């Protein structure tokens, strides 16, 4: 690791393991947070479409519900258009905690990648 980018374990404690009492972050949760952090508020099917096959229609809403329970995302119901039929869409955005966890995970992943031996 370079001197300019030390790995601060305080910042990544919640993503290392459940031992610390903090939730872990799954690959799917990381993909969702990455999209929400980079693109802003999205609804579930937009997340599926923009994930390029990483997220599946059948699991995205279950994962979003779990992420809401963990405090990673929050949601709101889109106001229905006049004369609209059916349920209104639910829009999701990352919380400050979710953004922090995502950024800490990203830093940790880069630090770990630098530690891997390189092919000669």
PDB file of N, CA and C in Angstrom:
ATOM      1  N   UNK A   1       0.837  -1.183   0.000  1.00  0.00           N
ATOM      2  CA  UNK A   1       0.000   0.000   0.000  1.00  0.00           C
ATOM      3  C   UNK A   1       0.869   1.229   0.000  1.00  0.00           C
ATOM      4  N   UNK A   2       0.421   2.233  -0.735  1.00  0.00           N
ATOM      5  CA  UNK A   2       1.153   3.478  -0.769  1.00  0.00           C
ATOM      6  C   UNK A   2       0.909   4.285   0.487  1.00  0.00           C
ATOM      7  N   UNK A   3       1.831   5.184   0.763  1.00  0.00           N
ATOM      8  CA  UNK A   3       1.717   6.041   1.933  1.00  0.00           C
ATOM      9  C   UNK A   3       0.505   6.957   1.814  1.00  0.00           C
ATOM     10  N   UNK A   4       0.154   7.353   0.576  1.00  0.00           N
ATOM     11  CA  UNK A   4      -0.937   8.296   0.376  1.00  0.00           C
ATOM     12  C   UNK A   4      -2.315   7.658   0.470  1.00  0.00           C
ATOM     13  N   UNK A   5      -2.418   6.355   0.563  1.00  0.00           N
ATOM     14  CA  UNK A   5      -3.737   5.724   0.607  1.00  0.00           C
ATOM     15  C   UNK A   5      -3.787   4.587   1.628  1.00  0.00           C
ATOM     16  N   UNK A   6      -3.604   4.900   2.913  1.00  0.00           N
ATOM     17  CA  UNK A   6      -3.639   3.846   3.919  1.00  0.00           C
ATOM     18  C   UNK A   6      -5.047   3.264   4.043  1.00  0.00           C
ATOM     19  N   UNK A   7      -5.118   2.007   4.367  1.00  0.00           N
ATOM     20  CA  UNK A   7      -6.389   1.339   4.574  1.00  0.00           C
ATOM     21  C   UNK A   7      -6.824   1.573   6.011  1.00  0.00           C
ATOM     22  N   UNK A   8      -7.876   2.311   6.202  1.00  0.00           N
ATOM     23  CA  UNK A   8      -8.391   2.638   7.523  1.00  0.00           C
ATOM     24  C   UNK A   8      -9.453   1.603   7.885  1.00  0.00           C
ATOM     25  N   UNK A   9      -9.106   0.659   8.740  1.00  0.00           N
ATOM     26  CA  UNK A   9     -10.035  -0.418   9.082  1.00  0.00           C
ATOM     27  C   UNK A   9     -11.267   0.080   9.819  1.00  0.00           C
ATOM     28  N   UNK A  10     -11.193   1.232  10.466  1.00  0.00           N
ATOM     29  CA  UNK A  10     -12.391   1.808  11.091  1.00  0.00           C
ATOM     30  C   UNK A  10     -13.458   2.052  10.038  1.00  0.00           C
ATOM     31  N   UNK A  11     -13.056   2.507   8.847  1.00  0.00           N
ATOM     32  CA  UNK A  11     -14.006   2.819   7.784  1.00  0.00           C
ATOM     33  C   UNK A  11     -14.576   1.577   7.115  1.00  0.00           C
ATOM     34  N   UNK A  12     -13.880   0.481   7.154  1.00  0.00           N
ATOM     35  CA  UNK A  12     -14.356  -0.700   6.442  1.00  0.00           C
ATOM     36  C   UNK A  12     -14.820  -1.812   7.378  1.00  0.00           C
ATOM     37  N   UNK A  13     -14.876  -1.543   8.672  1.00  0.00           N
ATOM     38  CA  UNK A  13     -15.240  -2.572   9.639  1.00  0.00           C
ATOM     39  C   UNK A  13     -16.578  -3.239   9.292  1.00  0.00           C
ATOM     40  N   UNK A  14     -17.558  -2.449   8.870  1.00  0.00           N
ATOM     41  CA  UNK A  14     -18.888  -2.990   8.615  1.00  0.00           C
ATOM     42  C   UNK A  14     -18.941  -3.899   7.409  1.00  0.00           C
ATOM     43  N   UNK A  15     -17.917  -3.857   6.559  1.00  0.00           N
ATOM     44  CA  UNK A  15     -17.968  -4.712   5.380  1.00  0.00           C
ATOM     45  C   UNK A  15     -17.033  -5.913   5.477  1.00  0.00           C
ATOM     46  N   UNK A  16     -16.262  -5.990   6.554  1.00  0.00           N
ATOM     47  CA  UNK A  16     -15.323  -7.091   6.680  1.00  0.00           C
ATOM     48  C   UNK A  16     -16.014  -8.370   7.140  1.00  0.00           C
ATOM     49  N   UNK A  17     -16.793  -8.290   8.209  1.00  0.00           N
ATOM     50  CA  UNK A  17     -17.469  -9.486   8.699  1.00  0.00           C
ATOM     51  C   UNK A  17     -18.568  -9.121   9.674  1.00  0.00           C
ATOM     52  N   UNK A  18     -19.346 -10.110  10.013  1.00  0.00           N
ATOM     53  CA  UNK A  18     -20.412  -9.910  10.981  1.00  0.00           C
ATOM     54  C   UNK A  18     -19.890  -9.856  12.411  1.00  0.00           C
ATOM     55  N   UNK A  19     -18.627 -10.174  12.625  1.00  0.00           N
ATOM     56  CA  UNK A  19     -18.058 -10.225  13.964  1.00  0.00           C
ATOM     57  C   UNK A  19     -18.194  -8.878  14.668  1.00  0.00           C
ATOM     58  N   UNK A  20     -18.086  -7.796  13.922  1.00  0.00           N
ATOM     59  CA  UNK A  20     -18.148  -6.467  14.523  1.00  0.00           C
ATOM     60  C   UNK A  20     -19.578  -6.041  14.833  1.00  0.00           C
ATOM     61  N   UNK A  21     -20.552  -6.842  14.447  1.00  0.00           N
ATOM     62  CA  UNK A  21     -21.943  -6.493  14.694  1.00  0.00           C
ATOM     63  C   UNK A  21     -22.568  -5.679  13.583  1.00  0.00           C
ATOM     64  N   UNK A  22     -21.819  -5.378  12.540  1.00  0.00           N
ATOM     65  CA  UNK A  22     -22.337  -4.614  11.417  1.00  0.00           C
ATOM     66  C   UNK A  22     -22.713  -5.552  10.267  1.00  0.00           C
ATOM     67  N   UNK A  23     -23.664  -5.138   9.456  1.00  0.00           N
ATOM     68  CA  UNK A  23     -24.066  -6.005   8.338  1.00  0.00           C
ATOM     69  C   UNK A  23     -22.977  -6.096   7.276  1.00  0.00           C
ATOM     70  N   UNK A  24     -22.970  -7.209   6.588  1.00  0.00           N
ATOM     71  CA  UNK A  24     -22.071  -7.385   5.457  1.00  0.00           C
ATOM     72  C   UNK A  24     -22.741  -6.798   4.230  1.00  0.00           C
ATOM     73  N   UNK A  25     -21.976  -6.599   3.177  1.00  0.00           N
ATOM     74  CA  UNK A  25     -22.516  -6.086   1.929  1.00  0.00           C
ATOM     75  C   UNK A  25     -22.260  -7.116   0.830  1.00  0.00           C
ATOM     76  N   UNK A  26     -23.326  -7.555   0.204  1.00  0.00           N
ATOM     77  CA  UNK A  26     -23.231  -8.594  -0.828  1.00  0.00           C
ATOM     78  C   UNK A  26     -22.862  -7.984  -2.179  1.00  0.00           C
ATOM     79  N   UNK A  27     -22.522  -8.836  -3.117  1.00  0.00           N
ATOM     80  CA  UNK A  27     -22.199  -8.403  -4.481  1.00  0.00           C
ATOM     81  C   UNK A  27     -23.380  -7.652  -5.090  1.00  0.00           C
ATOM     82  N   UNK A  28     -24.582  -8.161  -4.882  1.00  0.00           N
ATOM     83  CA  UNK A  28     -25.784  -7.519  -5.415  1.00  0.00           C
ATOM     84  C   UNK A  28     -26.002  -6.157  -4.767  1.00  0.00           C
ATOM     85  N   UNK A  29     -25.806  -6.083  -3.461  1.00  0.00           N
ATOM     86  CA  UNK A  29     -25.944  -4.806  -2.763  1.00  0.00           C
ATOM     87  C   UNK A  29     -24.914  -3.794  -3.264  1.00  0.00           C
ATOM     88  N   UNK A  30     -23.689  -4.259  -3.508  1.00  0.00           N
ATOM     89  CA  UNK A  30     -22.650  -3.366  -4.045  1.00  0.00           C
ATOM     90  C   UNK A  30     -23.058  -2.843  -5.416  1.00  0.00           C
ATOM     91  N   UNK A  31     -23.596  -3.728  -6.264  1.00  0.00           N
ATOM     92  CA  UNK A  31     -24.018  -3.313  -7.605  1.00  0.00           C
ATOM     93  C   UNK A  31     -25.124  -2.260  -7.525  1.00  0.00           C
ATOM     94  N   UNK A  32     -26.082  -2.470  -6.628  1.00  0.00           N
ATOM     95  CA  UNK A  32     -27.170  -1.508  -6.463  1.00  0.00           C
ATOM     96  C   UNK A  32     -26.629  -0.178  -5.953  1.00  0.00           C
ATOM     97  N   UNK A  33     -25.785  -0.219  -4.925  1.00  0.00           N
ATOM     98  CA  UNK A  33     -25.221   1.022  -4.390  1.00  0.00           C
ATOM     99  C   UNK A  33     -24.389   1.758  -5.434  1.00  0.00           C
ATOM    100  N   UNK A  34     -23.621   1.019  -6.216  1.00  0.00           N
ATOM    101  CA  UNK A  34     -22.809   1.656  -7.255  1.00  0.00           C
ATOM    102  C   UNK A  34     -23.695   2.425  -8.235  1.00  0.00           C
ATOM    103  N   UNK A  35     -24.790   1.817  -8.672  1.00  0.00           N
ATOM    104  CA  UNK A  35     -25.706   2.494  -9.588  1.00  0.00           C
ATOM    105  C   UNK A  35     -26.369   3.697  -8.939  1.00  0.00           C
ATOM    106  N   UNK A  36     -26.832   3.536  -7.706  1.00  0.00           N
ATOM    107  CA  UNK A  36     -27.515   4.639  -7.034  1.00  0.00           C
ATOM    108  C   UNK A  36     -26.571   5.793  -6.724  1.00  0.00           C
ATOM    109  N   UNK A  37     -25.341   5.473  -6.334  1.00  0.00           N
ATOM    110  CA  UNK A  37     -24.365   6.518  -6.033  1.00  0.00           C
ATOM    111  C   UNK A  37     -23.991   7.272  -7.319  1.00  0.00           C
ATOM    112  N   UNK A  38     -23.825   6.550  -8.417  1.00  0.00           N
ATOM    113  CA  UNK A  38     -23.389   7.199  -9.657  1.00  0.00           C
ATOM    114  C   UNK A  38     -24.525   7.853 -10.438  1.00  0.00           C
ATOM    115  N   UNK A  39     -25.742   7.296 -10.356  1.00  0.00           N
ATOM    116  CA  UNK A  39     -26.830   7.802 -11.192  1.00  0.00           C
ATOM    117  C   UNK A  39     -27.937   8.501 -10.424  1.00  0.00           C
ATOM    118  N   UNK A  40     -27.960   8.376  -9.122  1.00  0.00           N
ATOM    119  CA  UNK A  40     -29.014   9.011  -8.334  1.00  0.00           C
ATOM    120  C   UNK A  40     -30.226   8.112  -8.180  1.00  0.00           C
ATOM    121  N   UNK A  41     -31.337   8.705  -7.877  1.00  0.00           N
ATOM    122  CA  UNK A  41     -32.577   7.999  -7.558  1.00  0.00           C
ATOM    123  C   UNK A  41     -33.078   7.193  -8.770  1.00  0.00           C
ATOM    124  N   UNK A  42     -33.347   5.904  -8.533  1.00  0.00           N
ATOM    125  CA  UNK A  42     -33.832   5.000  -9.581  1.00  0.00           C
ATOM    126  C   UNK A  42     -34.903   4.092  -9.015  1.00  0.00           C
ATOM    127  N   UNK A  43     -35.745   3.540  -9.888  1.00  0.00           N
ATOM    128  CA  UNK A  43     -36.673   2.521  -9.444  1.00  0.00           C
ATOM    129  C   UNK A  43     -36.116   1.147  -9.799  1.00  0.00           C
ATOM    130  N   UNK A  44     -36.698   0.105  -9.237  1.00  0.00           N
ATOM    131  CA  UNK A  44     -36.148  -1.244  -9.339  1.00  0.00           C
ATOM    132  C   UNK A  44     -35.842  -1.726 -10.737  1.00  0.00           C
ATOM    133  N   UNK A  45     -36.776  -1.554 -11.662  1.00  0.00           N
ATOM    134  CA  UNK A  45     -36.536  -2.040 -13.020  1.00  0.00           C
ATOM    135  C   UNK A  45     -35.451  -1.244 -13.737  1.00  0.00           C
ATOM    136  N   UNK A  46     -35.299   0.029 -13.403  1.00  0.00           N
ATOM    137  CA  UNK A  46     -34.183   0.798 -13.954  1.00  0.00           C
ATOM    138  C   UNK A  46     -32.856   0.218 -13.477  1.00  0.00           C
ATOM    139  N   UNK A  47     -32.799  -0.179 -12.215  1.00  0.00           N
ATOM    140  CA  UNK A  47     -31.586  -0.799 -11.687  1.00  0.00           C
ATOM    141  C   UNK A  47     -31.266  -2.072 -12.455  1.00  0.00           C
ATOM    142  N   UNK A  48     -32.279  -2.905 -12.704  1.00  0.00           N
ATOM    143  CA  UNK A  48     -32.077  -4.151 -13.450  1.00  0.00           C
ATOM    144  C   UNK A  48     -31.549  -3.836 -14.846  1.00  0.00           C
ATOM    145  N   UNK A  49     -32.185  -2.912 -15.544  1.00  0.00           N
ATOM    146  CA  UNK A  49     -31.795  -2.563 -16.911  1.00  0.00           C
ATOM    147  C   UNK A  49     -30.373  -2.021 -16.977  1.00  0.00           C
ATOM    148  N   UNK A  50     -30.015  -1.180 -16.048  1.00  0.00           N
ATOM    149  CA  UNK A  50     -28.710  -0.513 -16.098  1.00  0.00           C
ATOM    150  C   UNK A  50     -27.583  -1.367 -15.546  1.00  0.00           C
ATOM    151  N   UNK A  51     -27.905  -2.489 -14.942  1.00  0.00           N
ATOM    152  CA  UNK A  51     -26.868  -3.336 -14.341  1.00  0.00           C
ATOM    153  C   UNK A  51     -26.184  -4.249 -15.348  1.00  0.00           C
ATOM    154  N   UNK A  52     -26.685  -4.296 -16.571  1.00  0.00           N
ATOM    155  CA  UNK A  52     -26.095  -5.142 -17.624  1.00  0.00           C
ATOM    156  C   UNK A  52     -26.020  -6.598 -17.219  1.00  0.00           C
ATOM    157  N   UNK A  53     -27.122  -7.087 -16.649  1.00  0.00           N
ATOM    158  CA  UNK A  53     -27.219  -8.506 -16.329  1.00  0.00           C
ATOM    159  C   UNK A  53     -26.802  -8.897 -14.927  1.00  0.00           C
ATOM    160  N   UNK A  54     -26.247  -7.981 -14.168  1.00  0.00           N
ATOM    161  CA  UNK A  54     -25.820  -8.310 -12.801  1.00  0.00           C
ATOM    162  C   UNK A  54     -27.035  -8.492 -11.899  1.00  0.00           C
ATOM    163  N   UNK A  55     -28.014  -7.602 -12.025  1.00  0.00           N
ATOM    164  CA  UNK A  55     -29.220  -7.663 -11.193  1.00  0.00           C
ATOM    165  C   UNK A  55     -30.337  -8.356 -11.952  1.00  0.00           C
ATOM    166  N   UNK A  56     -31.124  -9.131 -11.236  1.00  0.00           N
ATOM    167  CA  UNK A  56     -32.233  -9.872 -11.839  1.00  0.00           C
ATOM    168  C   UNK A  56     -33.556  -9.311 -11.336  1.00  0.00           C
ATOM    169  N   UNK A  57     -34.522  -9.316 -12.208  1.00  0.00           N
ATOM    170  CA  UNK A  57     -35.847  -8.788 -11.904  1.00  0.00           C
ATOM    171  C   UNK A  57     -36.466  -9.477 -10.676  1.00  0.00           C
ATOM    172  N   UNK A  58     -36.235 -10.772 -10.535  1.00  0.00           N
ATOM    173  CA  UNK A  58     -36.847 -11.541  -9.458  1.00  0.00           C
ATOM    174  C   UNK A  58     -36.241 -11.324  -8.087  1.00  0.00           C
ATOM    175  N   UNK A  59     -35.059 -10.723  -8.025  1.00  0.00           N
ATOM    176  CA  UNK A  59     -34.405 -10.545  -6.720  1.00  0.00           C
ATOM    177  C   UNK A  59     -34.134  -9.101  -6.347  1.00  0.00           C
ATOM    178  N   UNK A  60     -34.263  -8.177  -7.285  1.00  0.00           N
ATOM    179  CA  UNK A  60     -33.881  -6.793  -6.999  1.00  0.00           C
ATOM    180  C   UNK A  60     -34.722  -6.188  -5.881  1.00  0.00           C
ATOM    181  N   UNK A  61     -36.020  -6.477  -5.854  1.00  0.00           N
ATOM    182  CA  UNK A  61     -36.867  -5.861  -4.830  1.00  0.00           C
ATOM    183  C   UNK A  61     -36.649  -6.485  -3.453  1.00  0.00           C
ATOM    184  N   UNK A  62     -36.337  -7.769  -3.416  1.00  0.00           N
ATOM    185  CA  UNK A  62     -36.004  -8.415  -2.146  1.00  0.00           C
ATOM    186  C   UNK A  62     -34.716  -7.805  -1.591  1.00  0.00           C
ATOM    187  N   UNK A  63     -33.748  -7.626  -2.467  1.00  0.00           N
ATOM    188  CA  UNK A  63     -32.476  -7.038  -2.056  1.00  0.00           C
ATOM    189  C   UNK A  63     -32.664  -5.590  -1.611  1.00  0.00           C
ATOM    190  N   UNK A  64     -33.452  -4.821  -2.348  1.00  0.00           N
ATOM    191  CA  UNK A  64     -33.717  -3.438  -1.954  1.00  0.00           C
ATOM    192  C   UNK A  64     -34.400  -3.370  -0.589  1.00  0.00           C
ATOM    193  N   UNK A  65     -35.326  -4.289  -0.320  1.00  0.00           N
ATOM    194  CA  UNK A  65     -35.979  -4.341   0.989  1.00  0.00           C
ATOM    195  C   UNK A  65     -34.981  -4.623   2.102  1.00  0.00           C
ATOM    196  N   UNK A  66     -34.075  -5.562   1.851  1.00  0.00           N
ATOM    197  CA  UNK A  66     -33.037  -5.889   2.839  1.00  0.00           C
ATOM    198  C   UNK A  66     -32.102  -4.695   3.045  1.00  0.00           C
ATOM    199  N   UNK A  67     -31.789  -4.003   1.960  1.00  0.00           N
ATOM    200  CA  UNK A  67     -30.906  -2.838   2.056  1.00  0.00           C
ATOM    201  C   UNK A  67     -31.574  -1.696   2.818  1.00  0.00           C
ATOM    202  N   UNK A  68     -32.883  -1.589   2.689  1.00  0.00           N
ATOM    203  CA  UNK A  68     -33.603  -0.570   3.452  1.00  0.00           C
ATOM    204  C   UNK A  68     -33.555  -0.903   4.943  1.00  0.00           C
ATOM    205  N   UNK A  69     -33.715  -2.183   5.278  1.00  0.00           N
ATOM    206  CA  UNK A  69     -33.639  -2.603   6.680  1.00  0.00           C
ATOM    207  C   UNK A  69     -32.250  -2.332   7.270  1.00  0.00           C
ATOM    208  N   UNK A  70     -31.203  -2.490   6.459  1.00  0.00           N
ATOM    209  CA  UNK A  70     -29.837  -2.245   6.909  1.00  0.00           C
ATOM    210  C   UNK A  70     -29.501  -0.758   6.967  1.00  0.00           C
ATOM    211  N   UNK A  71     -30.331   0.070   6.352  1.00  0.00           N
ATOM    212  CA  UNK A  71     -30.083   1.505   6.333  1.00  0.00           C
ATOM    213  C   UNK A  71     -29.241   1.976   5.164  1.00  0.00           C
ATOM    214  N   UNK A  72     -29.021   1.138   4.158  1.00  0.00           N
ATOM    215  CA  UNK A  72     -28.208   1.498   2.994  1.00  0.00           C
ATOM    216  C   UNK A  72     -28.971   2.374   2.005  1.00  0.00           C
ATOM    217  N   UNK A  73     -30.283   2.150   1.876  1.00  0.00           N
ATOM    218  CA  UNK A  73     -31.103   2.907   0.932  1.00  0.00           C
ATOM    219  C   UNK A  73     -32.380   3.363   1.613  1.00  0.00           C
ATOM    220  N   UNK A  74     -33.002   4.369   1.008  1.00  0.00           N
ATOM    221  CA  UNK A  74     -34.329   4.793   1.421  1.00  0.00           C
ATOM    222  C   UNK A  74     -35.164   4.914   0.158  1.00  0.00           C
ATOM    223  N   UNK A  75     -36.481   4.923   0.326  1.00  0.00           N
ATOM    224  CA  UNK A  75     -37.332   4.956  -0.851  1.00  0.00           C
ATOM    225  C   UNK A  75     -38.511   5.889  -0.642  1.00  0.00           C
ATOM    226  N   UNK A  76     -39.112   6.237  -1.750  1.00  0.00           N
ATOM    227  CA  UNK A  76     -40.328   7.026  -1.730  1.00  0.00           C
ATOM    228  C   UNK A  76     -41.195   6.559  -2.891  1.00  0.00           C
ATOM    229  N   UNK A  77     -42.480   6.763  -2.772  1.00  0.00           N
ATOM    230  CA  UNK A  77     -43.406   6.400  -3.837  1.00  0.00           C
ATOM    231  C   UNK A  77     -43.526   7.567  -4.796  1.00  0.00           C
ATOM    232  N   UNK A  78     -43.401   7.261  -6.070  1.00  0.00           N
ATOM    233  CA  UNK A  78     -43.540   8.285  -7.095  1.00  0.00           C
ATOM    234  C   UNK A  78     -44.985   8.769  -7.140  1.00  0.00           C
ATOM    235  N   UNK A  79     -45.212  10.057  -7.240  1.00  0.00           N
ATOM    236  CA  UNK A  79     -46.590  10.530  -7.335  1.00  0.00           C
ATOM    237  C   UNK A  79     -47.251   9.968  -8.599  1.00  0.00           C
ATOM    238  N   UNK A  80     -48.475   9.441  -8.484  1.00  0.00           N
ATOM    239  CA  UNK A  80     -49.128   8.865  -9.668  1.00  0.00           C
ATOM    240  C   UNK A  80     -49.518   9.954 -10.669  1.00  0.00           C
ATOM    241  N   UNK A  81     -49.392   9.604 -11.929  1.00  0.00           N
ATOM    242  CA  UNK A  81     -49.817  10.522 -12.992  1.00  0.00           C
ATOM    243  C   UNK A  81     -51.338  10.564 -13.005  1.00  0.00           C
ATOM    244  N   UNK A  82     -51.919  11.681 -13.410  1.00  0.00           N
ATOM    245  CA  UNK A  82     -53.381  11.752 -13.475  1.00  0.00           C
ATOM    246  C   UNK A  82     -53.947  10.639 -14.369  1.00  0.00           C
ATOM    247  N   UNK A  83     -54.906   9.918 -13.842  1.00  0.00           N
ATOM    248  CA  UNK A  83     -55.541   8.829 -14.585  1.00  0.00           C
ATOM    249  C   UNK A  83     -54.748   7.534 -14.627  1.00  0.00           C
ATOM    250  N   UNK A  84     -53.636   7.475 -13.912  1.00  0.00           N
ATOM    251  CA  UNK A  84     -52.802   6.270 -13.927  1.00  0.00           C
ATOM    252  C   UNK A  84     -53.520   5.117 -13.240  1.00  0.00           C
ATOM    253  N   UNK A  85     -53.292   3.936 -13.778  1.00  0.00           N
ATOM    254  CA  UNK A  85     -53.860   2.713 -13.213  1.00  0.00           C
ATOM    255  C   UNK A  85     -52.703   1.871 -12.681  1.00  0.00           C
ATOM    256  N   UNK A  86     -52.923   1.199 -11.581  1.00  0.00           N
ATOM    257  CA  UNK A  86     -51.894   0.330 -11.023  1.00  0.00           C
ATOM    258  C   UNK A  86     -51.132   1.005  -9.890  1.00  0.00           C
ATOM    259  N   UNK A  87     -50.196   0.258  -9.378  1.00  0.00           N
ATOM    260  CA  UNK A  87     -49.396   0.745  -8.253  1.00  0.00           C
ATOM    261  C   UNK A  87     -48.370   1.772  -8.723  1.00  0.00           C
ATOM    262  N   UNK A  88     -48.145   2.817  -7.940  1.00  0.00           N
ATOM    263  CA  UNK A  88     -47.092   3.771  -8.297  1.00  0.00           C
ATOM    264  C   UNK A  88     -45.717   3.139  -8.087  1.00  0.00           C
ATOM    265  N   UNK A  89     -44.754   3.626  -8.842  1.00  0.00           N
ATOM    266  CA  UNK A  89     -43.388   3.102  -8.715  1.00  0.00           C
ATOM    267  C   UNK A  89     -42.742   3.612  -7.437  1.00  0.00           C
ATOM    268  N   UNK A  90     -41.817   2.802  -6.917  1.00  0.00           N
ATOM    269  CA  UNK A  90     -41.055   3.183  -5.729  1.00  0.00           C
ATOM    270  C   UNK A  90     -39.648   3.523  -6.196  1.00  0.00           C
ATOM    271  N   UNK A  91     -39.207   4.716  -5.841  1.00  0.00           N
ATOM    272  CA  UNK A  91     -37.877   5.180  -6.199  1.00  0.00           C
ATOM    273  C   UNK A  91     -36.936   5.005  -5.017  1.00  0.00           C
ATOM    274  N   UNK A  92     -35.708   4.589  -5.313  1.00  0.00           N
ATOM    275  CA  UNK A  92     -34.711   4.303  -4.279  1.00  0.00           C
ATOM    276  C   UNK A  92     -33.520   5.243  -4.445  1.00  0.00           C
ATOM    277  N   UNK A  93     -32.935   5.616  -3.301  1.00  0.00           N
ATOM    278  CA  UNK A  93     -31.718   6.424  -3.299  1.00  0.00           C
ATOM    279  C   UNK A  93     -30.859   5.953  -2.119  1.00  0.00           C
ATOM    280  N   UNK A  94     -29.544   6.137  -2.242  1.00  0.00           N
ATOM    281  CA  UNK A  94     -28.673   5.706  -1.135  1.00  0.00           C
ATOM    282  C   UNK A  94     -28.768   6.683   0.031  1.00  0.00           C
ATOM    283  N   UNK A  95     -28.669   6.154   1.230  1.00  0.00           N
ATOM    284  CA  UNK A  95     -28.561   7.009   2.415  1.00  0.00           C
ATOM    285  C   UNK A  95     -27.102   7.423   2.559  1.00  0.00           C
ATOM    286  N   UNK A  96     -26.838   8.369   3.439  1.00  0.00           N
ATOM    287  CA  UNK A  96     -25.450   8.768   3.708  1.00  0.00           C
ATOM    288  C   UNK A  96     -24.651   7.553   4.200  1.00  0.00           C
ATOM    289  N   UNK A  97     -25.282   6.725   5.024  1.00  0.00           N
ATOM    290  CA  UNK A  97     -24.629   5.506   5.511  1.00  0.00           C
ATOM    291  C   UNK A  97     -24.309   4.569   4.342  1.00  0.00           C
ATOM    292  N   UNK A  98     -25.270   4.394   3.431  1.00  0.00           N
ATOM    293  CA  UNK A  98     -25.058   3.532   2.271  1.00  0.00           C
ATOM    294  C   UNK A  98     -23.921   4.022   1.394  1.00  0.00           C
ATOM    295  N   UNK A  99     -23.863   5.326   1.168  1.00  0.00           N
ATOM    296  CA  UNK A  99     -22.774   5.909   0.381  1.00  0.00           C
ATOM    297  C   UNK A  99     -21.445   5.668   1.090  1.00  0.00           C
ATOM    298  N   UNK A 100     -21.418   5.870   2.402  1.00  0.00           N
ATOM    299  CA  UNK A 100     -20.189   5.649   3.165  1.00  0.00           C
ATOM    300  C   UNK A 100     -19.722   4.204   3.108  1.00  0.00           C
ATOM    301  N   UNK A 101     -20.650   3.266   3.260  1.00  0.00           N
ATOM    302  CA  UNK A 101     -20.301   1.845   3.186  1.00  0.00           C
ATOM    303  C   UNK A 101     -19.775   1.507   1.796  1.00  0.00           C
ATOM    304  N   UNK A 102     -20.444   2.009   0.768  1.00  0.00           N
ATOM    305  CA  UNK A 102     -20.005   1.736  -0.603  1.00  0.00           C
ATOM    306  C   UNK A 102     -18.604   2.284  -0.844  1.00  0.00           C
ATOM    307  N   UNK A 103     -18.366   3.500  -0.429  1.00  0.00           N
ATOM    308  CA  UNK A 103     -17.040   4.109  -0.646  1.00  0.00           C
ATOM    309  C   UNK A 103     -15.960   3.398   0.154  1.00  0.00           C
ATOM    310  N   UNK A 104     -16.277   2.995   1.383  1.00  0.00           N
ATOM    311  CA  UNK A 104     -15.311   2.248   2.201  1.00  0.00           C
ATOM    312  C   UNK A 104     -15.003   0.907   1.557  1.00  0.00           C
ATOM    313  N   UNK A 105     -16.032   0.226   1.049  1.00  0.00           N
ATOM    314  CA  UNK A 105     -15.816  -1.058   0.378  1.00  0.00           C
ATOM    315  C   UNK A 105     -14.942  -0.859  -0.854  1.00  0.00           C
ATOM    316  N   UNK A 106     -15.220   0.187  -1.624  1.00  0.00           N
ATOM    317  CA  UNK A 106     -14.436   0.440  -2.836  1.00  0.00           C
ATOM    318  C   UNK A 106     -12.969   0.679  -2.507  1.00  0.00           C
ATOM    319  N   UNK A 107     -12.715   1.473  -1.451  1.00  0.00           N
ATOM    320  CA  UNK A 107     -11.324   1.701  -1.046  1.00  0.00           C
ATOM    321  C   UNK A 107     -10.662   0.408  -0.588  1.00  0.00           C
ATOM    322  N   UNK A 108     -11.387  -0.383   0.173  1.00  0.00           N
ATOM    323  CA  UNK A 108     -10.830  -1.654   0.654  1.00  0.00           C
ATOM    324  C   UNK A 108     -10.537  -2.589  -0.510  1.00  0.00           C
ATOM    325  N   UNK A 109     -11.437  -2.660  -1.483  1.00  0.00           N
ATOM    326  CA  UNK A 109     -11.231  -3.537  -2.642  1.00  0.00           C
ATOM    327  C   UNK A 109      -9.990  -3.115  -3.432  1.00  0.00           C
ATOM    328  N   UNK A 110      -9.803  -1.803  -3.613  1.00  0.00           N
ATOM    329  CA  UNK A 110      -8.606  -1.322  -4.321  1.00  0.00           C
ATOM    330  C   UNK A 110      -7.342  -1.649  -3.532  1.00  0.00           C
ATOM    331  N   UNK A 111      -7.395  -1.476  -2.211  1.00  0.00           N
ATOM    332  CA  UNK A 111      -6.223  -1.770  -1.371  1.00  0.00           C
ATOM    333  C   UNK A 111      -5.870  -3.243  -1.429  1.00  0.00           C
ATOM    334  N   UNK A 112      -6.876  -4.095  -1.380  1.00  0.00           N
ATOM    335  CA  UNK A 112      -6.633  -5.545  -1.438  1.00  0.00           C
ATOM    336  C   UNK A 112      -6.091  -5.930  -2.799  1.00  0.00           C
ATOM    337  N   UNK A 113      -6.603  -5.316  -3.874  1.00  0.00           N
ATOM    338  CA  UNK A 113      -6.112  -5.609  -5.220  1.00  0.00           C
ATOM    339  C   UNK A 113      -4.630  -5.268  -5.348  1.00  0.00           C
ATOM    340  N   UNK A 114      -4.202  -4.182  -4.680  1.00  0.00           N
ATOM    341  CA  UNK A 114      -2.782  -3.795  -4.741  1.00  0.00           C
ATOM    342  C   UNK A 114      -1.899  -4.795  -3.993  1.00  0.00           C
ATOM    343  N   UNK A 115      -2.465  -5.525  -3.052  1.00  0.00           N
ATOM    344  CA  UNK A 115      -1.679  -6.491  -2.286  1.00  0.00           C
ATOM    345  C   UNK A 115      -1.474  -7.806  -3.028  1.00  0.00           C
ATOM    346  N   UNK A 116      -2.308  -8.073  -4.020  1.00  0.00           N
ATOM    347  CA  UNK A 116      -2.211  -9.337  -4.754  1.00  0.00           C
ATOM    348  C   UNK A 116      -0.914  -9.388  -5.535  1.00  0.00           C
ATOM    349  N   UNK A 117      -0.273 -10.568  -5.553  1.00  0.00           N
ATOM    350  CA  UNK A 117       0.987 -10.695  -6.300  1.00  0.00           C
ATOM    351  C   UNK A 117       0.710 -10.531  -7.805  1.00  0.00           C
ATOM    352  N   UNK A 118       1.631  -9.868  -8.476  1.00  0.00           N
ATOM    353  CA  UNK A 118       1.512  -9.643  -9.916  1.00  0.00           C
ATOM    354  C   UNK A 118       2.288 -10.712 -10.655  1.00  0.00           C
ATOM    355  N   UNK A 119       1.777 -11.107 -11.801  1.00  0.00           N
ATOM    356  CA  UNK A 119       2.447 -12.100 -12.646  1.00  0.00           C
ATOM    357  C   UNK A 119       3.742 -11.497 -13.189  1.00  0.00           C
ATOM    358  N   UNK A 120       4.794 -12.278 -13.208  1.00  0.00           N
ATOM    359  CA  UNK A 120       6.095 -11.791 -13.706  1.00  0.00           C
ATOM    360  C   UNK A 120       6.202 -11.978 -15.179  1.00  0.00           C
TER     361      UNK A 120
END
